C-alpha atoms as a PDB file:
ATOM      1  CA  MET A   1      56.053  28.955  -6.704  1.00  0.00           C
ATOM      2  CA  SER A   2      57.398  25.782  -8.055  1.00  0.00           C
ATOM      3  CA  GLY A   3      55.636  24.143 -11.096  1.00  0.00           C
ATOM      4  CA  GLU A   4      55.199  20.949  -8.906  1.00  0.00           C
ATOM      5  CA  PHE A   5      53.383  22.853  -6.268  1.00  0.00           C
ATOM      6  CA  ILE A   6      50.960  24.637  -8.855  1.00  0.00           C
ATOM      7  CA  THR A   7      50.292  21.027 -10.595  1.00  0.00           C
ATOM      8  CA  ALA A   8      49.564  19.867  -6.873  1.00  0.00           C
ATOM      9  CA  LEU A   9      47.028  22.361  -6.258  1.00  0.00           C
ATOM     10  CA  ILE A  10      45.370  22.085  -9.674  1.00  0.00           C
ATOM     11  CA  THR A  11      45.194  18.201  -9.068  1.00  0.00           C
ATOM     12  CA  PHE A  12      43.676  18.862  -5.555  1.00  0.00           C
ATOM     13  CA  ALA A  13      41.142  21.120  -6.940  1.00  0.00           C
ATOM     14  CA  GLY A  14      40.209  18.832  -9.820  1.00  0.00           C
ATOM     15  CA  SER A  15      39.741  15.995  -7.540  1.00  0.00           C
ATOM     16  CA  ALA A  16      37.834  18.072  -4.858  1.00  0.00           C
ATOM     17  CA  ILE A  17      35.640  19.261  -7.659  1.00  0.00           C
ATOM     18  CA  GLY A  18      35.080  15.749  -9.168  1.00  0.00           C
ATOM     19  CA  ALA A  19      34.416  14.505  -5.700  1.00  0.00           C
ATOM     20  CA  LEU A  20      31.669  16.999  -4.961  1.00  0.00           C
ATOM     21  CA  GLY A  21      30.269  16.498  -8.335  1.00  0.00           C
ATOM     22  CA  GLY A  22      30.200  12.757  -7.618  1.00  0.00           C
ATOM     23  CA  ILE A  23      28.571  13.184  -4.224  1.00  0.00           C
ATOM     24  CA  LEU A  24      25.824  15.560  -5.708  1.00  0.00           C
ATOM     25  CA  LEU A  25      25.131  13.252  -8.547  1.00  0.00           C
ATOM     26  CA  ASN A  26      24.902  10.150  -6.190  1.00  0.00           C
ATOM     27  CA  THR A  27      22.635  12.176  -4.138  1.00  0.00           C
ATOM     28  CA  LYS A  28      20.126  13.127  -6.953  1.00  0.00           C
ATOM     29  CA  LEU A  29      20.239   9.567  -7.912  1.00  0.00           C
ATOM     30  CA  THR A  30      19.494   8.326  -4.463  1.00  0.00           C
ATOM     31  CA  ASN A  31      16.671  10.772  -4.075  1.00  0.00           C
ATOM     32  CA  TYR A  32      15.255   9.897  -7.340  1.00  0.00           C
ATOM     33  CA  ARG A  33      15.158   6.330  -6.441  1.00  0.00           C
ATOM     34  CA  ILE A  34      13.524   6.851  -3.063  1.00  0.00           C
ATOM     35  CA  GLU A  35      10.648   8.790  -4.839  1.00  0.00           C
ATOM     36  CA  GLN A  36      10.138   5.825  -7.137  1.00  0.00           C
ATOM     37  CA  LEU A  37      10.154   3.498  -4.430  1.00  0.00           C
ATOM     38  CA  GLU A  38       7.807   5.593  -2.294  1.00  0.00           C
ATOM     39  CA  LYS A  39       5.455   5.635  -5.389  1.00  0.00           C
ATOM     40  CA  LYS A  40       5.677   1.986  -5.531  1.00  0.00           C
ATOM     41  CA  VAL A  41       4.846   1.685  -1.739  1.00  0.00           C
ATOM     42  CA  GLU A  42       1.868   3.898  -2.046  1.00  0.00           C
ATOM     43  CA  LYS A  43       0.594   1.838  -5.102  1.00  0.00           C
ATOM     44  CA  HIS A  44       0.903  -1.180  -2.825  1.00  0.00           C
ATOM     45  CA  ASN A  45      -0.894   0.388   0.213  1.00  0.00           C
ATOM     46  CA  ASN A  46      -3.652   1.416  -2.139  1.00  0.00           C
ATOM     47  CA  LEU A  47      -3.992  -2.128  -3.449  1.00  0.00           C
ATOM     48  CA  ILE A  48      -4.102  -3.563   0.226  1.00  0.00           C
ATOM     49  CA  GLU A  49      -6.890  -0.908   1.191  1.00  0.00           C
ATOM     50  CA  ARG A  50      -8.890  -1.913  -1.850  1.00  0.00           C
ATOM     51  CA  VAL A  51      -8.524  -5.437  -1.115  1.00  0.00           C
ATOM     52  CA  TYR A  52      -9.481  -4.905   2.384  1.00  0.00           C
ATOM     53  CA  ARG A  53     -12.627  -3.164   1.420  1.00  0.00           C
ATOM     54  CA  LEU A  54     -13.569  -6.016  -1.100  1.00  0.00           C
ATOM     55  CA  GLU A  55     -13.179  -8.560   1.698  1.00  0.00           C
ATOM     56  CA  GLN A  56     -15.436  -6.628   3.954  1.00  0.00           C
ATOM     57  CA  ASN A  57     -17.900  -6.131   1.097  1.00  0.00           C
ATOM     58  CA  GLU A  58     -17.624 -10.035   0.201  1.00  0.00           C
ATOM     59  CA  ALA A  59     -18.502 -10.795   3.970  1.00  0.00           C
ATOM     60  CA  VAL A  60     -21.375  -8.468   3.996  1.00  0.00           C
ATOM     61  CA  THR A  61     -22.662  -9.931   0.749  1.00  0.00           C
ATOM     62  CA  ALA A  62     -22.233 -13.495   2.049  1.00  0.00           C
ATOM     63  CA  GLU A  63     -24.232 -12.542   5.102  1.00  0.00           C
ATOM     64  CA  LYS A  64     -27.030 -11.052   3.097  1.00  0.00           C
ATOM     65  CA  ILE A  65     -26.957 -14.490   1.105  1.00  0.00           C
ATOM     66  CA  ALA A  66     -27.241 -16.480   4.197  1.00  0.00           C
ATOM     67  CA  VAL A  67     -30.169 -14.229   5.509  1.00  0.00           C
ATOM     68  CA  ALA A  68     -31.964 -14.632   2.193  1.00  0.00           C
ATOM     69  CA  ASN A  69     -31.428 -18.339   2.145  1.00  0.00           C
ATOM     70  CA  HIS A  70     -32.881 -18.305   5.496  1.00  0.00           C
ATOM     71  CA  ARG A  71     -35.975 -16.412   4.663  1.00  0.00           C
ATOM     72  CA  ILE A  72     -36.441 -18.735   1.440  1.00  0.00           C
ATOM     73  CA  GLY A  73     -36.105 -21.863   3.918  1.00  0.00           C
ATOM     74  CA  ASP A  74     -38.753 -20.298   6.082  1.00  0.00           C
ATOM     75  CA  LEU A  75     -41.148 -19.463   3.224  1.00  0.00           C
ATOM     76  CA  GLU A  76     -40.710 -23.088   1.907  1.00  0.00           C
ATOM     77  CA  GLN A  77     -41.662 -24.589   5.275  1.00  0.00           C
ATOM     78  CA  GLN A  78     -44.744 -22.276   5.495  1.00  0.00           C
ATOM     79  CA  LEU A  79     -45.824 -23.265   1.856  1.00  0.00           C
ATOM     80  CA  GLU A  80     -45.331 -26.759   2.872  1.00  0.00           C
ATOM     81  CA  LYS A  81     -47.538 -26.375   5.922  1.00  0.00           C
ATOM     82  CA  SER A  82     -50.146 -24.563   4.048  1.00  0.00           C
ATOM     83  CA  GLU A  83     -50.336 -27.469   1.467  1.00  0.00           C
ATOM     84  CA  SER A  84     -50.848 -30.083   3.999  1.00  0.00           C
END
């Protein structure tokens, strides 16, 4: 074999190994970034769920306050009638 052919084979092997190494490294980096994004999305989804629950609780509390105010109004009316 000629020296040029051997040099070409070594160059090709080096290029192939470098390309495969780059692909593997890029794949690992991409997978890592996807995992990090998934964690952020999960945190965001948890926040949305918590806010939804808080809004539901706020609506229930507002309804309870409205009922309590109505009862107080009724009691005040009864008190006024009994004083008259």
